[in-house]
Amino acid sequence: MNSDQELAHRIKIKFGTAPTEPTSYQLDKIKQDIQALVAQGLTPSEKDWADIVKKYCPDAGSYLYKGADTSDLITLMQLATKK
């Protein structure tokens, strides 16, 4: 699993996106918004993440995946800002 696939999987689990989301396009947009916050010297909060994911995946929060949620914000940010 590459870093984009891992990020998409963690977003799906943490934010309850549809099984087919985030798409590659949605993931690119999410990463751009997160990277823009980081470029401003900000550390994206959980609310920032949730708002950005919801912006590009409007059904986020509608799905629940069973199992442990290991998607902490630090890991998400590292994956989103990885070059």
N, C-alpha and C. Protein backbone atom coordinates (compact mmCIF):
# COMPACT_ATOMS: atom_id res chain seq x y z
N MET A 1 0.86 -1.18 0.00
CA MET A 1 0.00 0.00 0.00
C MET A 1 0.90 1.23 0.00
N ASN A 2 0.73 2.12 -0.98
CA ASN A 2 1.53 3.34 -1.00
C ASN A 2 0.93 4.38 -0.06
N SER A 3 1.61 5.50 0.12
CA SER A 3 1.17 6.49 1.11
C SER A 3 -0.19 7.10 0.78
N ASP A 4 -0.50 7.30 -0.50
CA ASP A 4 -1.82 7.83 -0.86
C ASP A 4 -2.92 6.82 -0.54
N GLN A 5 -2.66 5.56 -0.82
CA GLN A 5 -3.66 4.52 -0.50
C GLN A 5 -3.85 4.42 1.00
N GLU A 6 -2.76 4.51 1.74
CA GLU A 6 -2.87 4.46 3.21
C GLU A 6 -3.64 5.66 3.74
N LEU A 7 -3.34 6.85 3.21
CA LEU A 7 -4.04 8.06 3.63
C LEU A 7 -5.54 7.93 3.32
N ALA A 8 -5.88 7.49 2.12
CA ALA A 8 -7.29 7.33 1.74
C ALA A 8 -7.98 6.35 2.67
N HIS A 9 -7.32 5.26 2.99
CA HIS A 9 -7.90 4.26 3.90
C HIS A 9 -8.13 4.85 5.29
N ARG A 10 -7.14 5.56 5.80
CA ARG A 10 -7.27 6.16 7.14
C ARG A 10 -8.36 7.23 7.17
N ILE A 11 -8.47 8.02 6.11
CA ILE A 11 -9.54 9.02 6.03
C ILE A 11 -10.89 8.32 6.04
N LYS A 12 -11.00 7.26 5.25
CA LYS A 12 -12.26 6.50 5.19
C LYS A 12 -12.67 6.01 6.57
N ILE A 13 -11.73 5.43 7.31
CA ILE A 13 -12.02 4.88 8.64
C ILE A 13 -12.34 6.00 9.63
N LYS A 14 -11.50 7.02 9.66
CA LYS A 14 -11.65 8.09 10.67
C LYS A 14 -12.88 8.95 10.43
N PHE A 15 -13.16 9.28 9.16
CA PHE A 15 -14.22 10.24 8.88
C PHE A 15 -15.47 9.61 8.26
N GLY A 16 -15.49 8.29 8.11
CA GLY A 16 -16.69 7.60 7.65
C GLY A 16 -17.13 7.98 6.26
N THR A 17 -16.18 8.01 5.32
CA THR A 17 -16.55 8.32 3.94
C THR A 17 -17.15 7.08 3.27
N ALA A 18 -17.75 7.28 2.12
CA ALA A 18 -18.34 6.17 1.37
C ALA A 18 -17.24 5.16 1.01
N PRO A 19 -17.61 3.91 0.78
CA PRO A 19 -16.62 2.89 0.46
C PRO A 19 -15.72 3.22 -0.73
N THR A 20 -16.21 4.01 -1.68
CA THR A 20 -15.41 4.36 -2.86
C THR A 20 -14.70 5.71 -2.71
N GLU A 21 -14.78 6.30 -1.53
CA GLU A 21 -14.16 7.61 -1.30
C GLU A 21 -13.08 7.51 -0.24
N PRO A 22 -12.14 8.41 -0.24
CA PRO A 22 -11.96 9.45 -1.24
C PRO A 22 -11.36 8.90 -2.54
N THR A 23 -11.83 9.47 -3.64
CA THR A 23 -11.27 9.13 -4.94
C THR A 23 -9.88 9.78 -5.04
N SER A 24 -9.16 9.48 -6.07
CA SER A 24 -7.84 10.09 -6.27
C SER A 24 -7.98 11.61 -6.36
N TYR A 25 -9.00 12.07 -7.07
CA TYR A 25 -9.24 13.52 -7.20
C TYR A 25 -9.53 14.14 -5.84
N GLN A 26 -10.45 13.52 -5.08
CA GLN A 26 -10.81 14.05 -3.76
C GLN A 26 -9.59 14.05 -2.84
N LEU A 27 -8.81 12.98 -2.89
CA LEU A 27 -7.63 12.89 -2.04
C LEU A 27 -6.63 13.99 -2.39
N ASP A 28 -6.43 14.25 -3.67
CA ASP A 28 -5.52 15.33 -4.08
C ASP A 28 -5.99 16.67 -3.54
N LYS A 29 -7.29 16.92 -3.60
CA LYS A 29 -7.84 18.18 -3.11
C LYS A 29 -7.70 18.29 -1.59
N ILE A 30 -7.95 17.20 -0.88
CA ILE A 30 -7.80 17.18 0.58
C ILE A 30 -6.34 17.49 0.93
N LYS A 31 -5.42 16.83 0.26
CA LYS A 31 -4.00 17.04 0.52
C LYS A 31 -3.59 18.48 0.23
N GLN A 32 -4.11 19.07 -0.85
CA GLN A 32 -3.79 20.46 -1.19
C GLN A 32 -4.24 21.40 -0.07
N ASP A 33 -5.45 21.20 0.43
CA ASP A 33 -5.97 22.07 1.49
C ASP A 33 -5.17 21.91 2.79
N ILE A 34 -4.81 20.67 3.12
CA ILE A 34 -4.01 20.43 4.33
C ILE A 34 -2.63 21.05 4.15
N GLN A 35 -2.03 20.86 2.99
CA GLN A 35 -0.71 21.42 2.73
C GLN A 35 -0.74 22.95 2.76
N ALA A 36 -1.85 23.55 2.33
CA ALA A 36 -1.98 25.01 2.37
C ALA A 36 -1.99 25.50 3.82
N LEU A 37 -2.66 24.79 4.70
CA LEU A 37 -2.66 25.17 6.12
C LEU A 37 -1.26 25.04 6.71
N VAL A 38 -0.58 23.94 6.39
CA VAL A 38 0.77 23.72 6.89
C VAL A 38 1.72 24.81 6.37
N ALA A 39 1.54 25.19 5.11
CA ALA A 39 2.38 26.24 4.52
C ALA A 39 2.19 27.58 5.22
N GLN A 40 1.02 27.77 5.84
CA GLN A 40 0.74 29.00 6.59
C GLN A 40 1.28 28.91 8.01
N GLY A 41 1.92 27.79 8.33
CA GLY A 41 2.47 27.61 9.67
C GLY A 41 1.48 27.06 10.66
N LEU A 42 0.34 26.57 10.17
CA LEU A 42 -0.70 26.03 11.05
C LEU A 42 -0.60 24.52 11.13
N THR A 43 -0.98 23.99 12.26
CA THR A 43 -1.11 22.54 12.42
C THR A 43 -2.59 22.23 12.33
N PRO A 44 -3.02 21.53 11.29
CA PRO A 44 -4.45 21.26 11.12
C PRO A 44 -5.03 20.49 12.31
N SER A 45 -6.13 20.99 12.82
CA SER A 45 -6.81 20.35 13.94
C SER A 45 -7.73 19.25 13.40
N GLU A 46 -8.31 18.49 14.32
CA GLU A 46 -9.26 17.46 13.89
C GLU A 46 -10.45 18.10 13.19
N LYS A 47 -10.87 19.28 13.66
CA LYS A 47 -11.98 19.98 13.01
C LYS A 47 -11.58 20.42 11.60
N ASP A 48 -10.36 20.92 11.44
CA ASP A 48 -9.87 21.30 10.10
C ASP A 48 -9.95 20.10 9.17
N TRP A 49 -9.43 18.95 9.64
CA TRP A 49 -9.46 17.73 8.84
C TRP A 49 -10.90 17.37 8.48
N ALA A 50 -11.77 17.37 9.47
CA ALA A 50 -13.17 16.97 9.25
C ALA A 50 -13.85 17.91 8.25
N ASP A 51 -13.61 19.21 8.39
CA ASP A 51 -14.21 20.19 7.48
C ASP A 51 -13.70 20.00 6.05
N ILE A 52 -12.41 19.77 5.91
CA ILE A 52 -11.82 19.60 4.57
C ILE A 52 -12.32 18.30 3.94
N VAL A 53 -12.34 17.22 4.71
CA VAL A 53 -12.83 15.94 4.17
C VAL A 53 -14.29 16.09 3.76
N LYS A 54 -15.10 16.73 4.60
CA LYS A 54 -16.53 16.91 4.30
C LYS A 54 -16.72 17.78 3.04
N LYS A 55 -15.83 18.75 2.85
CA LYS A 55 -15.90 19.63 1.68
C LYS A 55 -15.79 18.83 0.38
N TYR A 56 -14.91 17.84 0.36
CA TYR A 56 -14.68 17.08 -0.86
C TYR A 56 -15.38 15.73 -0.88
N CYS A 57 -15.80 15.25 0.27
CA CYS A 57 -16.54 13.98 0.39
C CYS A 57 -17.81 14.28 1.19
N PRO A 58 -18.83 14.85 0.53
CA PRO A 58 -20.02 15.33 1.24
C PRO A 58 -20.73 14.28 2.09
N ASP A 59 -20.58 13.00 1.78
CA ASP A 59 -21.23 11.96 2.57
C ASP A 59 -20.40 11.52 3.77
N ALA A 60 -19.27 12.18 4.02
CA ALA A 60 -18.43 11.80 5.16
C ALA A 60 -19.27 11.85 6.43
N GLY A 61 -19.06 10.87 7.28
CA GLY A 61 -19.83 10.77 8.52
C GLY A 61 -21.05 9.89 8.38
N SER A 62 -21.36 9.47 7.17
CA SER A 62 -22.54 8.64 6.92
C SER A 62 -22.24 7.15 7.04
N TYR A 63 -20.96 6.81 7.12
CA TYR A 63 -20.56 5.40 7.15
C TYR A 63 -19.76 5.13 8.42
N LEU A 64 -19.87 3.90 8.90
CA LEU A 64 -19.14 3.48 10.08
C LEU A 64 -18.42 2.18 9.75
N TYR A 65 -17.15 2.17 10.04
CA TYR A 65 -16.35 0.98 9.77
C TYR A 65 -15.94 0.36 11.09
N LYS A 66 -16.16 -0.93 11.24
CA LYS A 66 -15.83 -1.64 12.47
C LYS A 66 -14.32 -1.83 12.57
N GLY A 67 -13.84 -1.84 13.79
CA GLY A 67 -12.42 -2.07 14.03
C GLY A 67 -11.80 -0.88 14.73
N ALA A 68 -10.57 -1.04 15.10
CA ALA A 68 -9.86 0.01 15.82
C ALA A 68 -9.54 1.17 14.89
N ASP A 69 -9.75 2.38 15.38
CA ASP A 69 -9.40 3.59 14.62
C ASP A 69 -7.99 3.99 15.02
N THR A 70 -7.06 3.75 14.15
CA THR A 70 -5.67 4.10 14.42
C THR A 70 -5.26 5.34 13.64
N SER A 71 -6.22 6.09 13.13
CA SER A 71 -5.94 7.24 12.28
C SER A 71 -5.75 8.50 13.12
N ASP A 72 -4.60 8.64 13.78
CA ASP A 72 -4.38 9.86 14.53
C ASP A 72 -4.00 10.99 13.59
N LEU A 73 -4.15 12.21 14.07
CA LEU A 73 -3.92 13.38 13.22
C LEU A 73 -2.47 13.51 12.76
N ILE A 74 -1.54 13.11 13.59
CA ILE A 74 -0.13 13.22 13.22
C ILE A 74 0.16 12.33 12.01
N THR A 75 -0.34 11.10 12.05
CA THR A 75 -0.12 10.19 10.93
C THR A 75 -0.80 10.72 9.67
N LEU A 76 -2.03 11.22 9.81
CA LEU A 76 -2.73 11.77 8.66
C LEU A 76 -1.95 12.94 8.04
N MET A 77 -1.44 13.80 8.89
CA MET A 77 -0.71 14.96 8.39
C MET A 77 0.58 14.52 7.70
N GLN A 78 1.28 13.56 8.29
CA GLN A 78 2.50 13.08 7.66
C GLN A 78 2.22 12.50 6.28
N LEU A 79 1.14 11.75 6.16
CA LEU A 79 0.80 11.17 4.87
C LEU A 79 0.35 12.24 3.87
N ALA A 80 -0.39 13.23 4.35
CA ALA A 80 -0.91 14.27 3.45
C ALA A 80 0.18 15.21 2.96
N THR A 81 1.22 15.37 3.74
CA THR A 81 2.27 16.33 3.35
C THR A 81 3.49 15.64 2.80
N LYS A 82 3.43 14.33 2.66
CA LYS A 82 4.56 13.56 2.12
C LYS A 82 4.76 13.90 0.65
N LYS A 83 5.97 14.15 0.28
CA LYS A 83 6.28 14.50 -1.11
C LYS A 83 6.49 13.25 -1.93
